[in-house]
Amino acid sequence: MPLTTTLKVYDHDETPPGTWPVFRVMDEDGSLREPKVGQSYIDTHAPTLDKAHAIKMFRTMARLSQMDHIFLNAQRQGRISFYMSSQGEEAVHIGSSTALDLKDTIFAQYRETGVLMWRGFTMDQFADQCFSNKGDLGKGRQMPVHYGSRALNWHTISSPLTTQLPQAAGAAMAMKLKAKREGKDRSDGVAVCYFGDGAASEGDFHAAMNFAATLETPVIFFCRNNGFAISTPVKDQYRGDGIVSRAKGYGMYGIRVDGNDLFAVHAATAKAKEIALSENRPVLLETMSYRVGHHSTSDDSTRYRSTDEIKKWTEEDNPIDRFQRYCEGRGWLDDEMVAQIMDEERMKVLQALEKAEKKGPPDLSTLFDDIYKEKTPELVRQEEALLEHVAKYPEKYQGGGH
């Protein structure tokens, strides 16, 4: 695919000829492609972020990487039941999340852990959710990695593909109407919907795009094109030019970005948010990356791709390594500092895992909480009947609440 250093979000009537270009700021060696173009981190693409912010971004990427390795191994050991890693897509997460804030409402799929991490979800909260223990915000009712947080404006993840796209379009419409009722020209934030290339093959993708474009809602549709929908490569998913090329047909803005370039992802997300807010229109953003890990712990990706292919991407275009080289070039990191950060983040993950493993399951009495705002008479009767049954046969229920 052709590369461009121009940050251009194309409207439907000005789409590029031929293959959509990939917006890139930073090459694989950590050097900026056009270091003299500009000085603003958001508006152009020569970043002026300070050392402290850069180290925070690197540390978050390191924590995500350590969490993926440790939680995946925990599943292999039978300590948690399921896990999905984000290996190879760390720049997509941190690049986009640093351009958003808590006023933006997030509808995620299941491979955006780093976005939630940057917003403030703690290691203890991640571990509690994966163990479904009494500390889990979801009270142990969801599969592992199906995170949710009202405080962080993050809607709980759903397993079925693409359910979040129509929801995001509708939420953006609600945000627009709320702003109008309050006499504002624009909403306080945007809806951001993350999804993969496989989800773009579902029917709800079309419904969401058409709704958002026709009714002009402030939403960013953020496609993580990582090359695979479980075992199906993109060459077997669509005939056209990826996902972003569909923006023209819906009358939407669109941009394609190098998903392994932290700066490009940040700049493109910030620009997309600016357009969505100022014009009340949706933007389709496609990041190009590669899923280094298996689809999930239920998958063995070596059955449909070679280990050499995985190794090539890991060694030649690792997003963490790319950003590390950038920081090293400015004297912000060296090998000793990187090793220390990796070790510190590894210990944080291990400590959270150990604590979560010792917590018991949610109490049986919580089973009927959070179903409705107030318990219905029927729900109250069901709760009373269950608790009466358990009290009558306590010897049959010795599982600590399960």
Protein backbone atom coordinates (compact mmCIF):
# COMPACT_ATOMS: atom_id res chain seq x y z
CA MET A 1 0.00 0.00 0.00
CA PRO A 2 1.23 3.55 -0.71
CA LEU A 3 2.40 5.62 2.27
CA THR A 4 1.67 9.28 2.91
CA THR A 5 2.90 11.76 5.49
CA THR A 6 -0.08 14.03 4.88
CA LEU A 7 -2.79 13.87 7.53
CA LYS A 8 -5.83 13.93 5.26
CA VAL A 9 -9.27 12.70 6.29
CA TYR A 10 -11.09 12.33 2.97
CA ASP A 11 -14.73 13.27 2.55
CA HIS A 12 -16.89 11.08 0.32
CA ASP A 13 -16.60 13.40 -2.68
CA GLU A 14 -12.80 13.66 -2.62
CA THR A 15 -11.58 10.11 -2.12
CA PRO A 16 -8.07 9.31 -3.37
CA PRO A 17 -7.57 7.64 -6.76
CA GLY A 18 -6.51 4.01 -6.68
CA THR A 19 -5.57 2.37 -3.40
CA TRP A 20 -6.16 4.43 -0.28
CA PRO A 21 -2.79 5.58 1.14
CA VAL A 22 -1.58 4.68 4.62
CA PHE A 23 -0.83 7.67 6.84
CA ARG A 24 2.53 7.21 8.57
CA VAL A 25 4.64 9.51 10.73
CA MET A 26 7.28 7.21 12.21
CA ASP A 27 9.19 4.49 10.37
CA GLU A 28 10.16 1.10 11.78
CA ASP A 29 13.51 2.44 12.99
CA GLY A 30 11.82 5.10 15.12
CA SER A 31 12.73 8.02 12.88
CA LEU A 32 10.15 10.60 11.78
CA ARG A 33 9.50 10.64 8.07
CA GLU A 34 9.30 14.43 7.89
CA PRO A 35 10.78 15.76 11.13
CA LYS A 36 10.56 19.42 10.07
CA VAL A 37 6.93 19.48 8.93
CA GLY A 38 5.39 20.88 12.09
CA GLN A 39 5.55 21.19 15.82
CA SER A 40 2.09 20.33 17.11
CA TYR A 41 1.58 16.76 18.34
CA ILE A 42 -2.08 16.76 17.32
CA ASP A 43 -2.48 19.12 14.37
CA THR A 44 0.55 17.97 12.38
CA HIS A 45 2.82 15.05 12.79
CA ALA A 46 6.12 16.08 14.33
CA PRO A 47 5.29 15.45 17.99
CA THR A 48 6.32 17.77 20.80
CA LEU A 49 5.32 15.44 23.62
CA ASP A 50 7.62 15.72 26.61
CA LYS A 51 9.72 12.95 28.12
CA ALA A 52 7.31 12.24 30.99
CA HIS A 53 4.33 11.72 28.66
CA ALA A 54 6.38 9.57 26.29
CA ILE A 55 7.59 7.36 29.13
CA LYS A 56 4.01 7.01 30.41
CA MET A 57 2.88 5.81 26.97
CA PHE A 58 5.79 3.38 26.71
CA ARG A 59 5.14 2.08 30.22
CA THR A 60 1.47 1.48 29.42
CA MET A 61 2.40 -0.44 26.27
CA ALA A 62 4.88 -2.47 28.33
CA ARG A 63 2.21 -3.22 30.96
CA LEU A 64 -0.21 -4.37 28.27
CA SER A 65 2.45 -6.64 26.77
CA GLN A 66 3.37 -8.15 30.15
CA MET A 67 -0.29 -8.64 31.02
CA ASP A 68 -0.90 -10.48 27.76
CA HIS A 69 2.00 -12.89 28.32
CA ILE A 70 1.21 -13.56 31.97
CA PHE A 71 -2.57 -13.88 31.64
CA LEU A 72 -2.19 -16.15 28.62
CA ASN A 73 0.13 -18.40 30.62
CA ALA A 74 -2.32 -18.31 33.53
CA GLN A 75 -4.99 -19.68 31.23
CA ARG A 76 -2.67 -22.44 30.02
CA GLN A 77 -2.11 -23.33 33.68
CA GLY A 78 -5.87 -23.58 34.29
CA ARG A 79 -5.99 -20.57 36.60
CA ILE A 80 -8.37 -18.58 34.37
CA SER A 81 -10.72 -20.04 31.79
CA PHE A 82 -10.09 -17.86 28.73
CA TYR A 83 -7.99 -14.98 27.42
CA MET A 84 -7.44 -12.86 24.31
CA SER A 85 -4.19 -10.97 23.80
CA SER A 86 -3.43 -7.76 21.92
CA GLN A 87 0.11 -8.61 20.81
CA GLY A 88 1.14 -6.55 17.81
CA GLU A 89 -1.60 -3.95 18.25
CA GLU A 90 -0.31 -1.97 21.24
CA ALA A 91 0.19 1.24 19.22
CA VAL A 92 -3.42 1.08 18.01
CA HIS A 93 -4.58 1.08 21.63
CA ILE A 94 -2.32 3.70 23.14
CA GLY A 95 -2.19 5.91 20.07
CA SER A 96 -5.97 6.22 19.88
CA SER A 97 -6.73 6.35 23.60
CA THR A 98 -4.35 9.27 24.17
CA ALA A 99 -6.41 11.32 21.70
CA LEU A 100 -9.65 10.66 23.61
CA ASP A 101 -10.95 11.57 27.07
CA LEU A 102 -13.58 10.37 29.52
CA LYS A 103 -16.29 12.47 27.85
CA ASP A 104 -16.02 10.13 24.87
CA THR A 105 -18.07 6.96 25.25
CA ILE A 106 -16.38 3.74 24.14
CA PHE A 107 -17.96 0.72 22.48
CA ALA A 108 -15.20 -1.88 22.22
CA GLN A 109 -14.92 -5.36 20.75
CA TYR A 110 -12.56 -7.60 22.73
CA ARG A 111 -9.05 -6.61 21.66
CA GLU A 112 -8.82 -3.04 22.95
CA THR A 113 -7.51 -3.73 26.45
CA GLY A 114 -4.87 -1.01 26.20
CA VAL A 115 -7.52 1.65 25.54
CA LEU A 116 -9.26 0.76 28.79
CA MET A 117 -5.92 0.57 30.58
CA TRP A 118 -5.02 4.11 29.53
CA ARG A 119 -8.42 5.39 30.68
CA GLY A 120 -7.68 4.19 34.21
CA PHE A 121 -8.82 0.56 34.56
CA THR A 122 -6.46 -0.92 37.15
CA MET A 123 -4.51 -4.17 37.07
CA ASP A 124 -6.58 -5.40 40.01
CA GLN A 125 -9.77 -4.73 38.03
CA PHE A 126 -8.44 -6.61 34.99
CA ALA A 127 -7.42 -9.58 37.13
CA ASP A 128 -10.66 -9.62 39.13
CA GLN A 129 -12.69 -9.70 35.92
CA CYS A 130 -10.70 -12.58 34.45
CA PHE A 131 -11.10 -14.58 37.67
CA SER A 132 -14.82 -13.68 37.97
CA ASN A 133 -14.30 -13.11 41.68
CA LYS A 134 -16.13 -10.93 44.20
CA GLY A 135 -14.03 -7.93 43.22
CA ASP A 136 -15.22 -8.08 39.61
CA LEU A 137 -17.31 -5.05 38.65
CA GLY A 138 -19.52 -7.38 36.61
CA LYS A 139 -20.09 -9.71 39.58
CA GLY A 140 -18.60 -12.68 37.75
CA ARG A 141 -21.30 -12.83 35.09
CA GLN A 142 -19.16 -12.34 31.99
CA MET A 143 -16.48 -14.30 30.19
CA PRO A 144 -12.90 -13.17 30.85
CA VAL A 145 -11.78 -10.06 28.87
CA HIS A 146 -15.40 -8.84 28.62
CA TYR A 147 -14.66 -5.70 30.61
CA GLY A 148 -17.05 -2.89 31.47
CA SER A 149 -16.79 0.33 33.47
CA ARG A 150 -19.48 2.95 33.91
CA ALA A 151 -16.97 5.25 35.62
CA LEU A 152 -14.69 5.16 32.58
CA ASN A 153 -17.55 5.50 30.06
CA TRP A 154 -16.80 2.04 28.67
CA HIS A 155 -19.73 -0.14 27.65
CA THR A 156 -19.42 -3.78 28.61
CA ILE A 157 -18.02 -5.94 25.83
CA SER A 158 -20.28 -8.40 24.05
CA SER A 159 -19.05 -11.63 22.44
CA PRO A 160 -21.21 -11.57 19.27
CA LEU A 161 -19.47 -9.61 16.53
CA THR A 162 -20.65 -6.15 15.51
CA THR A 163 -23.35 -5.64 18.13
CA GLN A 164 -21.48 -2.55 19.28
CA LEU A 165 -21.64 -0.72 15.93
CA PRO A 166 -25.40 0.04 15.86
CA GLN A 167 -25.20 0.78 19.58
CA ALA A 168 -22.46 3.35 18.99
CA ALA A 169 -24.41 4.96 16.17
CA GLY A 170 -27.46 5.22 18.41
CA ALA A 171 -25.46 6.54 21.36
CA ALA A 172 -23.93 9.23 19.14
CA MET A 173 -27.42 10.20 18.00
CA ALA A 174 -28.49 10.49 21.64
CA MET A 175 -25.46 12.66 22.42
CA LYS A 176 -26.33 14.94 19.51
CA LEU A 177 -29.97 15.27 20.62
CA LYS A 178 -28.93 15.93 24.23
CA ALA A 179 -26.64 18.74 23.11
CA LYS A 180 -29.44 20.22 21.01
CA ARG A 181 -31.85 20.19 23.98
CA GLU A 182 -29.20 21.98 26.03
CA GLY A 183 -28.81 24.66 23.38
CA LYS A 184 -25.33 23.53 22.30
CA ASP A 185 -24.00 23.32 18.76
CA ARG A 186 -22.07 20.15 19.53
CA SER A 187 -21.94 17.35 22.06
CA ASP A 188 -19.32 17.24 24.80
CA GLY A 189 -17.78 14.07 23.41
CA VAL A 190 -18.05 11.50 20.65
CA ALA A 191 -18.93 7.83 20.52
CA VAL A 192 -15.96 5.68 19.53
CA CYS A 193 -16.61 2.18 18.24
CA TYR A 194 -13.73 -0.28 17.90
CA PHE A 195 -14.11 -3.37 15.74
CA GLY A 196 -12.05 -5.74 13.63
CA ASP A 197 -11.98 -6.48 9.93
CA GLY A 198 -14.10 -9.58 10.54
CA ALA A 199 -16.86 -7.54 12.16
CA ALA A 200 -16.96 -5.38 9.03
CA SER A 201 -18.29 -8.43 7.16
CA GLU A 202 -21.40 -8.61 9.35
CA GLY A 203 -24.75 -7.09 8.37
CA ASP A 204 -24.87 -4.77 11.38
CA PHE A 205 -21.82 -2.98 9.96
CA HIS A 206 -23.93 -1.70 7.07
CA ALA A 207 -26.85 -0.80 9.33
CA ALA A 208 -24.60 1.23 11.62
CA MET A 209 -22.76 3.04 8.82
CA ASN A 210 -25.95 3.95 7.01
CA PHE A 211 -27.69 5.15 10.18
CA ALA A 212 -24.73 7.26 11.33
CA ALA A 213 -24.07 8.82 7.93
CA THR A 214 -27.69 9.55 7.06
CA LEU A 215 -28.61 11.02 10.45
CA GLU A 216 -25.21 12.72 10.87
CA THR A 217 -24.03 11.49 14.25
CA PRO A 218 -20.71 12.27 16.01
CA VAL A 219 -19.14 8.81 15.99
CA ILE A 220 -15.74 7.39 15.06
CA PHE A 221 -15.90 3.89 13.60
CA PHE A 222 -12.43 2.57 14.40
CA CYS A 223 -11.54 -0.55 12.40
CA ARG A 224 -8.52 -2.55 13.55
CA ASN A 225 -7.55 -4.36 10.37
CA ASN A 226 -5.10 -6.91 11.76
CA GLY A 227 -5.20 -9.33 8.84
CA PHE A 228 -7.42 -12.07 10.26
CA ALA A 229 -10.97 -12.77 11.38
CA ILE A 230 -10.01 -15.69 13.63
CA SER A 231 -8.56 -17.95 10.89
CA THR A 232 -9.93 -16.16 7.83
CA PRO A 233 -7.36 -13.87 6.18
CA VAL A 234 -8.53 -10.58 4.74
CA LYS A 235 -7.98 -11.81 1.17
CA ASP A 236 -10.87 -14.21 1.74
CA GLN A 237 -13.11 -11.59 3.38
CA TYR A 238 -13.54 -8.87 0.78
CA ARG A 239 -12.73 -8.01 -2.82
CA GLY A 240 -12.35 -4.25 -2.49
CA ASP A 241 -9.69 -1.99 -1.01
CA GLY A 242 -9.97 -2.87 2.66
CA ILE A 243 -12.55 -1.29 4.93
CA VAL A 244 -11.96 2.46 4.64
CA SER A 245 -12.85 2.50 0.93
CA ARG A 246 -16.46 1.85 1.94
CA ALA A 247 -16.69 5.35 3.43
CA LYS A 248 -17.39 6.85 0.01
CA GLY A 249 -20.48 4.72 -0.52
CA TYR A 250 -21.96 5.80 2.80
CA GLY A 251 -21.12 9.47 2.33
CA MET A 252 -18.67 9.47 5.23
CA TYR A 253 -15.20 10.74 6.01
CA GLY A 254 -12.40 8.16 5.97
CA ILE A 255 -8.69 7.74 6.67
CA ARG A 256 -6.28 4.78 6.64
CA VAL A 257 -3.41 4.70 9.16
CA ASP A 258 -0.30 2.66 9.94
CA GLY A 259 -1.50 0.87 13.06
CA ASN A 260 2.04 0.22 14.29
CA ASP A 261 2.83 3.94 14.31
CA LEU A 262 1.82 5.40 17.67
CA PHE A 263 2.01 9.01 16.45
CA ALA A 264 0.04 8.43 13.25
CA VAL A 265 -2.75 6.66 15.14
CA HIS A 266 -2.91 9.47 17.70
CA ALA A 267 -2.96 12.25 15.11
CA ALA A 268 -5.59 10.52 12.96
CA THR A 269 -7.84 9.80 15.96
CA ALA A 270 -7.55 13.39 17.17
CA LYS A 271 -8.44 14.69 13.70
CA ALA A 272 -11.36 12.27 13.40
CA LYS A 273 -12.69 13.42 16.76
CA GLU A 274 -12.37 17.06 15.72
CA ILE A 275 -14.43 16.41 12.57
CA ALA A 276 -17.05 14.32 14.37
CA LEU A 277 -17.57 17.03 16.99
CA SER A 278 -17.47 20.09 14.75
CA GLU A 279 -19.58 18.69 11.91
CA ASN A 280 -21.72 16.09 13.70
CA ARG A 281 -20.64 13.54 11.13
CA PRO A 282 -19.19 10.03 11.39
CA VAL A 283 -15.62 9.12 10.44
CA LEU A 284 -14.42 5.67 9.36
CA LEU A 285 -10.82 5.11 10.49
CA GLU A 286 -8.91 1.99 9.45
CA THR A 287 -5.63 1.03 11.11
CA MET A 288 -3.38 -1.49 9.37
CA SER A 289 -1.56 -3.82 11.75
CA TYR A 290 -0.97 -7.53 12.33
CA ARG A 291 -2.35 -9.87 14.98
CA VAL A 292 0.82 -11.48 16.30
CA GLY A 293 -0.91 -13.64 18.90
CA HIS A 294 -3.50 -16.36 18.48
CA HIS A 295 -7.11 -15.24 18.12
CA SER A 296 -7.70 -16.47 21.66
CA THR A 297 -6.60 -19.23 23.99
CA SER A 298 -9.06 -21.47 22.11
CA ASP A 299 -7.10 -21.00 18.88
CA ASP A 300 -3.87 -22.34 17.39
CA SER A 301 -3.00 -19.90 14.63
CA THR A 302 -0.10 -22.02 13.35
CA ARG A 303 -2.74 -24.19 11.68
CA TYR A 304 -3.51 -21.42 9.18
CA ARG A 305 -0.33 -19.31 9.05
CA SER A 306 3.38 -20.04 9.28
CA THR A 307 5.56 -19.43 12.31
CA ASP A 308 7.99 -17.64 9.98
CA GLU A 309 5.27 -15.10 9.16
CA ILE A 310 4.61 -14.45 12.84
CA LYS A 311 8.33 -14.19 13.56
CA LYS A 312 8.84 -11.73 10.71
CA TRP A 313 6.22 -9.32 12.03
CA THR A 314 7.43 -9.71 15.62
CA GLU A 315 11.04 -8.94 14.75
CA GLU A 316 10.66 -6.42 11.94
CA ASP A 317 7.65 -4.27 12.85
CA ASN A 318 6.87 -4.49 16.54
CA PRO A 319 5.02 -1.29 17.59
CA ILE A 320 6.61 -1.26 21.05
CA ASP A 321 10.10 -1.59 19.57
CA ARG A 322 9.36 1.18 17.08
CA PHE A 323 8.35 3.63 19.79
CA GLN A 324 11.24 2.49 21.98
CA ARG A 325 13.69 3.38 19.19
CA TYR A 326 12.10 6.81 18.90
CA CYS A 327 12.55 7.42 22.64
CA GLU A 328 16.10 6.06 22.59
CA GLY A 329 16.96 8.42 19.76
CA ARG A 330 16.04 11.33 22.03
CA GLY A 331 17.90 10.02 25.03
CA TRP A 332 14.70 9.27 26.96
CA LEU A 333 15.25 5.50 27.18
CA ASP A 334 18.16 3.09 27.17
CA ASP A 335 18.44 -0.69 27.55
CA GLU A 336 18.74 -0.49 31.33
CA MET A 337 15.65 1.73 31.68
CA VAL A 338 13.62 -0.49 29.35
CA ALA A 339 14.57 -3.61 31.32
CA GLN A 340 13.60 -1.87 34.56
CA ILE A 341 10.22 -0.75 33.20
CA MET A 342 9.45 -4.22 31.86
CA ASP A 343 10.38 -5.80 35.20
CA GLU A 344 8.30 -3.30 37.19
CA GLU A 345 5.24 -3.81 35.01
CA ARG A 346 5.67 -7.57 35.11
CA MET A 347 5.65 -7.49 38.91
CA LYS A 348 2.49 -5.34 38.93
CA VAL A 349 0.71 -7.90 36.78
CA LEU A 350 1.91 -10.86 38.86
CA GLN A 351 0.85 -9.17 42.10
CA ALA A 352 -2.62 -8.40 40.73
CA LEU A 353 -2.97 -11.99 39.52
CA GLU A 354 -1.96 -13.37 42.91
CA LYS A 355 -4.41 -11.13 44.77
CA ALA A 356 -7.30 -11.92 42.42
CA GLU A 357 -6.71 -15.65 42.73
CA LYS A 358 -7.16 -15.48 46.49
CA LYS A 359 -10.48 -13.64 46.38
CA GLY A 360 -13.60 -15.73 46.61
CA PRO A 361 -16.48 -15.74 44.13
CA PRO A 362 -19.34 -13.22 44.35
CA ASP A 363 -21.86 -13.99 47.06
CA LEU A 364 -24.97 -15.79 45.92
CA SER A 365 -27.10 -12.87 47.11
CA THR A 366 -25.60 -10.65 44.38
CA LEU A 367 -27.14 -12.83 41.68
CA PHE A 368 -30.28 -10.69 41.63
CA ASP A 369 -28.55 -7.31 41.82
CA ASP A 370 -28.24 -4.97 38.84
CA ILE A 371 -30.92 -6.71 36.78
CA TYR A 372 -33.26 -3.74 36.96
CA LYS A 373 -32.91 -0.37 38.66
CA GLU A 374 -35.38 -1.70 41.22
CA LYS A 375 -36.16 -5.38 41.74
CA THR A 376 -39.51 -6.39 40.28
CA PRO A 377 -41.98 -8.38 42.42
CA GLU A 378 -41.26 -11.48 40.33
CA LEU A 379 -37.52 -11.08 40.81
CA VAL A 380 -37.98 -10.68 44.57
CA ARG A 381 -40.01 -13.93 44.67
CA GLN A 382 -37.30 -15.74 42.70
CA GLU A 383 -34.60 -14.48 45.05
CA GLU A 384 -36.54 -15.52 48.15
CA ALA A 385 -37.22 -18.97 46.69
CA LEU A 386 -33.57 -19.56 45.80
CA LEU A 387 -32.21 -18.44 49.16
CA GLU A 388 -34.82 -20.55 50.95
CA HIS A 389 -33.82 -23.58 48.86
CA VAL A 390 -30.10 -23.11 49.58
CA ALA A 391 -30.79 -22.67 53.30
CA LYS A 392 -32.80 -25.90 53.30
CA TYR A 393 -30.06 -27.94 51.60
CA PRO A 394 -26.78 -26.28 52.67
CA GLU A 395 -24.79 -29.48 52.25
CA LYS A 396 -25.51 -29.38 48.50
CA TYR A 397 -24.05 -25.89 48.09
CA GLN A 398 -20.53 -25.91 49.45
CA GLY A 399 -18.87 -24.12 46.53
CA GLY A 400 -18.32 -20.83 48.29
CA GLY A 401 -21.19 -19.16 46.49
CA HIS A 402 -21.27 -21.07 43.18
